[in-house]
Amino acid sequence: MMDVEMQSTAWRMRSDGADWAAVGRELGCAPQVAAAMARQHEKTTDEAAAKDQLSLFEA
């Protein structure tokens, strides 16, 4: 399992304009691994947001 902080960093750096090679260097991993971390972060946050939004309407 990937570290949540590293996932967040990968996502943030990429959204700030860094290329995958730069993100990988910063995190000490291959660019492909950095991309996978960012995708996992996005998936996790999207799932949490969807769950929270559904609970708003279940009252």
C-alpha atoms as a PDB file:
ATOM      1  CA  MET A   1       0.000   0.000   0.000  1.00  0.00           C
ATOM      2  CA  MET A   2       1.239   3.443  -0.895  1.00  0.00           C
ATOM      3  CA  ASP A   3       1.695   6.108   1.743  1.00  0.00           C
ATOM      4  CA  VAL A   4      -1.216   8.573   1.747  1.00  0.00           C
ATOM      5  CA  GLU A   5       1.100  11.569   2.107  1.00  0.00           C
ATOM      6  CA  MET A   6       3.164  10.476  -0.895  1.00  0.00           C
ATOM      7  CA  GLN A   7      -0.020   9.977  -2.927  1.00  0.00           C
ATOM      8  CA  SER A   8      -1.159  13.473  -2.042  1.00  0.00           C
ATOM      9  CA  THR A   9       2.234  14.949  -2.875  1.00  0.00           C
ATOM     10  CA  ALA A  10       2.291  13.210  -6.257  1.00  0.00           C
ATOM     11  CA  TRP A  11      -1.193  14.483  -7.083  1.00  0.00           C
ATOM     12  CA  ARG A  12      -0.442  18.032  -5.894  1.00  0.00           C
ATOM     13  CA  MET A  13       2.876  18.294  -7.752  1.00  0.00           C
ATOM     14  CA  ARG A  14       1.302  17.059 -10.977  1.00  0.00           C
ATOM     15  CA  SER A  15      -1.667  19.424 -10.647  1.00  0.00           C
ATOM     16  CA  ASP A  16       0.843  22.239 -10.065  1.00  0.00           C
ATOM     17  CA  GLY A  17       2.420  21.446 -13.436  1.00  0.00           C
ATOM     18  CA  ALA A  18       5.336  19.126 -12.661  1.00  0.00           C
ATOM     19  CA  ASP A  19       5.968  16.307 -15.118  1.00  0.00           C
ATOM     20  CA  TRP A  20       5.968  12.699 -13.914  1.00  0.00           C
ATOM     21  CA  ALA A  21       9.777  12.518 -14.043  1.00  0.00           C
ATOM     22  CA  ALA A  22      10.064  15.467 -11.639  1.00  0.00           C
ATOM     23  CA  VAL A  23       7.411  14.020  -9.341  1.00  0.00           C
ATOM     24  CA  GLY A  24       9.214  10.686  -9.321  1.00  0.00           C
ATOM     25  CA  ARG A  25      12.554  12.321  -8.500  1.00  0.00           C
ATOM     26  CA  GLU A  26      10.992  14.227  -5.607  1.00  0.00           C
ATOM     27  CA  LEU A  27       9.381  11.070  -4.220  1.00  0.00           C
ATOM     28  CA  GLY A  28      12.330   8.781  -4.977  1.00  0.00           C
ATOM     29  CA  CYS A  29      10.472   6.502  -7.374  1.00  0.00           C
ATOM     30  CA  ALA A  30       9.906   5.836 -11.053  1.00  0.00           C
ATOM     31  CA  PRO A  31       7.614   8.226 -12.951  1.00  0.00           C
ATOM     32  CA  GLN A  32       5.132   5.388 -13.490  1.00  0.00           C
ATOM     33  CA  VAL A  33       4.931   4.792  -9.729  1.00  0.00           C
ATOM     34  CA  ALA A  34       4.401   8.509  -9.113  1.00  0.00           C
ATOM     35  CA  ALA A  35       1.540   8.488 -11.628  1.00  0.00           C
ATOM     36  CA  ALA A  36       0.000   5.461  -9.906  1.00  0.00           C
ATOM     37  CA  MET A  37       0.213   7.269  -6.558  1.00  0.00           C
ATOM     38  CA  ALA A  38      -1.593  10.296  -7.962  1.00  0.00           C
ATOM     39  CA  ARG A  39      -4.305   8.098  -9.496  1.00  0.00           C
ATOM     40  CA  GLN A  40      -4.804   6.328  -6.162  1.00  0.00           C
ATOM     41  CA  HIS A  41      -5.072   9.654  -4.340  1.00  0.00           C
ATOM     42  CA  GLU A  42      -7.687  10.856  -6.807  1.00  0.00           C
ATOM     43  CA  LYS A  43      -9.650   7.603  -6.521  1.00  0.00           C
ATOM     44  CA  THR A  44      -9.585   7.695  -2.718  1.00  0.00           C
ATOM     45  CA  THR A  45     -10.673  11.324  -2.481  1.00  0.00           C
ATOM     46  CA  ASP A  46     -13.388  10.868  -5.126  1.00  0.00           C
ATOM     47  CA  GLU A  47     -14.792   7.873  -3.241  1.00  0.00           C
ATOM     48  CA  ALA A  48     -14.781   9.782   0.054  1.00  0.00           C
ATOM     49  CA  ALA A  49     -16.513  12.765  -1.544  1.00  0.00           C
ATOM     50  CA  ALA A  50     -19.170  10.548  -3.125  1.00  0.00           C
ATOM     51  CA  LYS A  51     -19.840   8.846   0.205  1.00  0.00           C
ATOM     52  CA  ASP A  52     -20.101  12.183   2.023  1.00  0.00           C
ATOM     53  CA  GLN A  53     -22.410  13.627  -0.623  1.00  0.00           C
ATOM     54  CA  LEU A  54     -24.744  10.620  -0.484  1.00  0.00           C
ATOM     55  CA  SER A  55     -25.026  10.895   3.288  1.00  0.00           C
ATOM     56  CA  LEU A  56     -26.155  14.517   2.955  1.00  0.00           C
ATOM     57  CA  PHE A  57     -29.258  13.390   1.094  1.00  0.00           C
ATOM     58  CA  GLU A  58     -30.099  10.399   3.294  1.00  0.00           C
ATOM     59  CA  ALA A  59     -31.432  12.465   6.183  1.00  0.00           C
END
